[in-house]
Every structure is written in C-alpha cells, then in structure tokens.
Protein backbone atom coordinates (compact mmCIF):
# COMPACT_ATOMS: atom_id res chain seq x y z
CA MET A 1 182.33 -69.40 43.63
CA THR A 2 183.22 -68.26 46.96
CA GLN A 3 182.88 -65.19 47.68
CA THR A 4 185.96 -63.18 49.36
CA PRO A 5 185.46 -63.04 53.02
CA ILE A 6 183.79 -59.66 54.41
CA SER A 7 187.34 -58.55 56.96
CA GLU A 8 188.99 -59.13 53.32
CA ARG A 9 186.40 -56.79 51.37
CA PRO A 10 187.60 -53.01 50.89
CA TYR A 11 185.32 -50.19 52.22
CA ARG A 12 183.19 -48.10 49.54
CA PHE A 13 184.07 -44.18 49.58
CA GLY A 14 181.38 -41.95 50.61
CA VAL A 15 180.46 -38.61 52.07
CA GLY A 16 178.11 -37.84 54.73
CA ILE A 17 176.46 -34.49 54.75
CA VAL A 18 175.19 -32.94 58.24
CA LEU A 19 173.34 -29.74 57.38
CA PHE A 20 172.81 -27.34 60.16
CA ASN A 21 169.67 -24.67 60.36
CA SER A 22 169.87 -20.89 61.82
CA ASP A 23 168.76 -22.49 65.60
CA GLY A 24 171.70 -24.78 65.45
CA LYS A 25 169.79 -28.11 64.61
CA VAL A 26 170.57 -30.75 61.73
CA PHE A 27 168.50 -32.24 59.32
CA VAL A 28 167.80 -35.73 59.47
CA GLY A 29 165.21 -38.15 57.17
CA ARG A 30 163.43 -41.12 57.85
CA ARG A 31 164.63 -43.70 55.51
CA LYS A 32 162.52 -45.22 53.19
CA ASP A 33 163.96 -48.57 52.90
CA THR A 34 164.26 -48.61 56.98
CA PRO A 35 161.48 -46.64 58.71
CA ASP A 36 162.64 -46.90 62.12
CA ALA A 37 165.76 -45.06 60.81
CA TRP A 38 166.71 -41.38 60.45
CA GLN A 39 169.96 -40.32 59.50
CA PHE A 40 171.84 -37.45 58.02
CA PRO A 41 171.92 -37.25 53.86
CA GLN A 42 175.25 -39.41 52.48
CA GLY A 43 176.69 -41.50 49.65
CA GLY A 44 178.94 -42.64 47.10
CA ILE A 45 181.61 -40.75 45.37
CA ASP A 46 181.27 -40.97 41.83
CA LYS A 47 184.88 -42.46 39.58
CA ASN A 48 187.32 -39.30 39.62
CA GLU A 49 185.12 -37.52 41.66
CA ASP A 50 186.13 -34.65 44.45
CA PRO A 51 184.64 -35.68 47.67
CA LEU A 52 183.09 -32.09 48.55
CA ASP A 53 181.85 -32.31 45.00
CA ALA A 54 180.30 -35.68 45.78
CA ALA A 55 178.97 -33.81 49.24
CA TRP A 56 177.04 -31.23 46.99
CA ARG A 57 175.54 -33.07 44.70
CA GLU A 58 174.57 -35.77 47.34
CA MET A 59 172.64 -32.54 49.51
CA ASP A 60 170.46 -32.22 45.83
CA GLU A 61 169.81 -35.57 44.94
CA GLU A 62 168.97 -36.43 48.79
CA ILE A 63 166.90 -33.25 49.92
CA GLY A 64 166.20 -31.64 46.50
CA THR A 65 168.54 -28.25 47.20
CA ASN A 66 171.90 -27.47 47.63
CA LYS A 67 171.16 -23.81 49.40
CA ALA A 68 173.78 -24.16 52.13
CA GLN A 69 177.16 -22.87 52.98
CA LEU A 70 180.08 -25.18 54.10
CA ILE A 71 181.39 -24.55 57.19
CA GLY A 72 183.74 -27.50 58.08
CA GLN A 73 184.68 -31.27 57.97
CA THR A 74 186.11 -34.06 59.63
CA SER A 75 189.56 -34.31 60.19
CA ASP A 76 189.88 -37.73 58.69
CA TRP A 77 187.79 -40.45 56.94
CA LEU A 78 185.19 -42.58 59.12
CA ALA A 79 184.40 -45.78 58.16
CA TYR A 80 181.51 -48.45 59.45
CA ASP A 81 180.89 -52.02 59.12
CA LEU A 82 177.93 -53.94 57.60
CA PRO A 83 176.72 -56.72 59.46
CA ALA A 84 176.77 -59.87 57.52
CA ASP A 85 173.61 -60.16 56.37
CA LEU A 86 173.80 -56.78 54.95
CA ALA A 87 177.54 -57.08 53.26
CA ASP A 88 176.61 -59.97 51.25
CA LYS A 89 173.41 -57.99 49.74
CA SER A 90 174.59 -54.05 49.42
CA TRP A 91 176.56 -52.91 47.02
CA GLY A 92 176.55 -56.72 45.21
CA GLY A 93 178.64 -57.74 48.35
CA LYS A 94 181.56 -55.72 47.16
CA PHE A 95 182.60 -53.91 49.93
CA ARG A 96 182.87 -54.46 53.75
CA GLY A 97 181.21 -51.38 54.83
CA GLN A 98 181.62 -47.43 53.72
CA LYS A 99 184.77 -44.98 54.33
CA GLN A 100 183.01 -41.49 54.89
CA LEU A 101 184.74 -38.52 54.69
CA TRP A 102 181.70 -36.14 56.63
CA PHE A 103 181.20 -32.15 55.56
CA ALA A 104 179.07 -29.79 57.51
CA PHE A 105 176.85 -27.20 56.23
CA ARG A 106 174.90 -24.18 57.35
CA PHE A 107 171.22 -23.81 55.57
CA THR A 108 170.55 -20.97 53.76
CA GLY A 109 167.41 -21.71 51.92
CA THR A 110 164.01 -21.87 53.57
CA GLU A 111 162.18 -25.25 54.67
CA GLY A 112 160.38 -24.59 51.34
CA ASP A 113 163.45 -25.51 49.54
CA ILE A 114 163.86 -29.10 50.82
CA ASP A 115 161.83 -31.51 48.60
CA LEU A 116 162.29 -34.80 49.14
CA GLU A 117 160.41 -36.02 45.60
CA THR A 118 163.65 -36.36 43.89
CA HIS A 119 164.53 -38.67 40.85
CA THR A 120 165.36 -41.33 43.35
CA PRO A 121 163.84 -40.70 47.06
CA GLU A 122 165.85 -41.80 49.92
CA PHE A 123 163.69 -40.77 52.72
CA SER A 124 160.30 -40.59 53.43
CA GLU A 125 160.34 -37.51 55.91
CA TRP A 126 162.34 -34.95 57.56
CA ARG A 127 162.98 -32.97 60.54
CA TRP A 128 165.57 -30.66 62.18
CA ILE A 129 166.46 -32.58 65.76
CA GLU A 130 169.43 -31.55 68.45
CA LEU A 131 172.89 -32.94 67.07
CA ALA A 132 173.47 -34.47 70.24
CA ASP A 133 170.44 -37.05 69.94
CA VAL A 134 171.49 -38.21 66.17
CA PRO A 135 173.13 -41.35 67.53
CA ASN A 136 169.92 -42.19 69.40
CA HIS A 137 168.33 -42.38 66.17
CA ILE A 138 170.28 -44.01 63.78
CA VAL A 139 170.75 -48.37 62.64
CA SER A 140 172.82 -49.45 65.79
CA PHE A 141 175.78 -50.53 62.78
CA LYS A 142 176.42 -46.85 62.25
CA ARG A 143 176.24 -45.72 65.83
CA PRO A 144 179.66 -45.52 66.38
CA LEU A 145 180.59 -43.52 63.30
CA TYR A 146 177.69 -40.90 63.96
CA VAL A 147 179.16 -40.73 67.77
CA GLN A 148 182.77 -39.51 66.10
CA VAL A 149 181.04 -36.90 63.75
CA VAL A 150 178.46 -35.46 66.52
CA ASP A 151 181.77 -35.33 68.38
CA GLU A 152 183.69 -33.35 65.43
CA PHE A 153 181.08 -30.95 64.79
CA SER A 154 179.88 -30.15 68.23
CA LYS A 155 181.57 -27.30 68.03
CA LEU A 156 179.17 -25.87 65.45
CA THR A 157 175.78 -26.08 66.95
CA GLY A 158 175.95 -22.41 68.44
C-alpha cells in the first residue's frame, strides 16, 4: 500500500500558547525529545473541542498550570509543514504538518505554579526569554511560523 504523498495530506489542527510574565518575557520549554530545541506550549485540538478550550487544556497538561488571563489571539490560523522524514513518522504519517490558532496569555501565578512533571512531560526545563528571541531557539521548520507569532504578539510585550 502506497502512502499518500505529503503534499496531499491534510494539516493537523492545533493550538499554540504564548505565556507572558509581568516583565513582558515569554515562557519557552526545552523539548524532551529534541534537547536543542525550545518552544512554546502547543498541542492538538480534540474532536469537537473549541480551540480556546484546547489552549487552556494544553497549558495545564504541558506546564502544570493554567493560572493566566487571555490577552490575545492570532488573526488567523498559521501553518507549518513537517520535513519529509518527520511527516512519515509523526501522528501516524497522516498529516503534512500543523495548522494552529495561537493564543496569548498573561501569567497570573507564581513560578512555583509551573510544574513540568505532568502526566506526559514534554519539556525538561523552562525559562522566560524575550519574545523577539524565540525564533532563534526553535527548530528550523517551525521558524517561519514563530516569526509570524512574534509579529502578531509583539505589541503585548509591554
């Protein structure tokens, strides 16, 4: 059986989360499966799940807290394509990449509320960095999407 060509596969729908602290810096986590890559919390949308509800769920699942206030979202869905070798391995080879709606939140908790030892840990460590610096730390195939996210949310850094 021949697998569907990557260019003909659909996108997996997901959400991304940009969490700002009181200093205007953003949360990034070091991926457990790709130690040289840092990224924002993100994940898939469950069947019949509202994207904002998915963002709240993913925040809690990935960083152990949802102590935050919604402050923005991207004007449209943003997409990235996986490299061919990953497209055939990730999500059972069903998708070409992800199409994501991104949400910005202001963190209202304390650093002690962040707990990476969740049910299925995705990050090995975390830190706050300048929003403009995030694309420099992301895997190359996601970089154009992250540049778009930074552009849309840069007005929120103050």
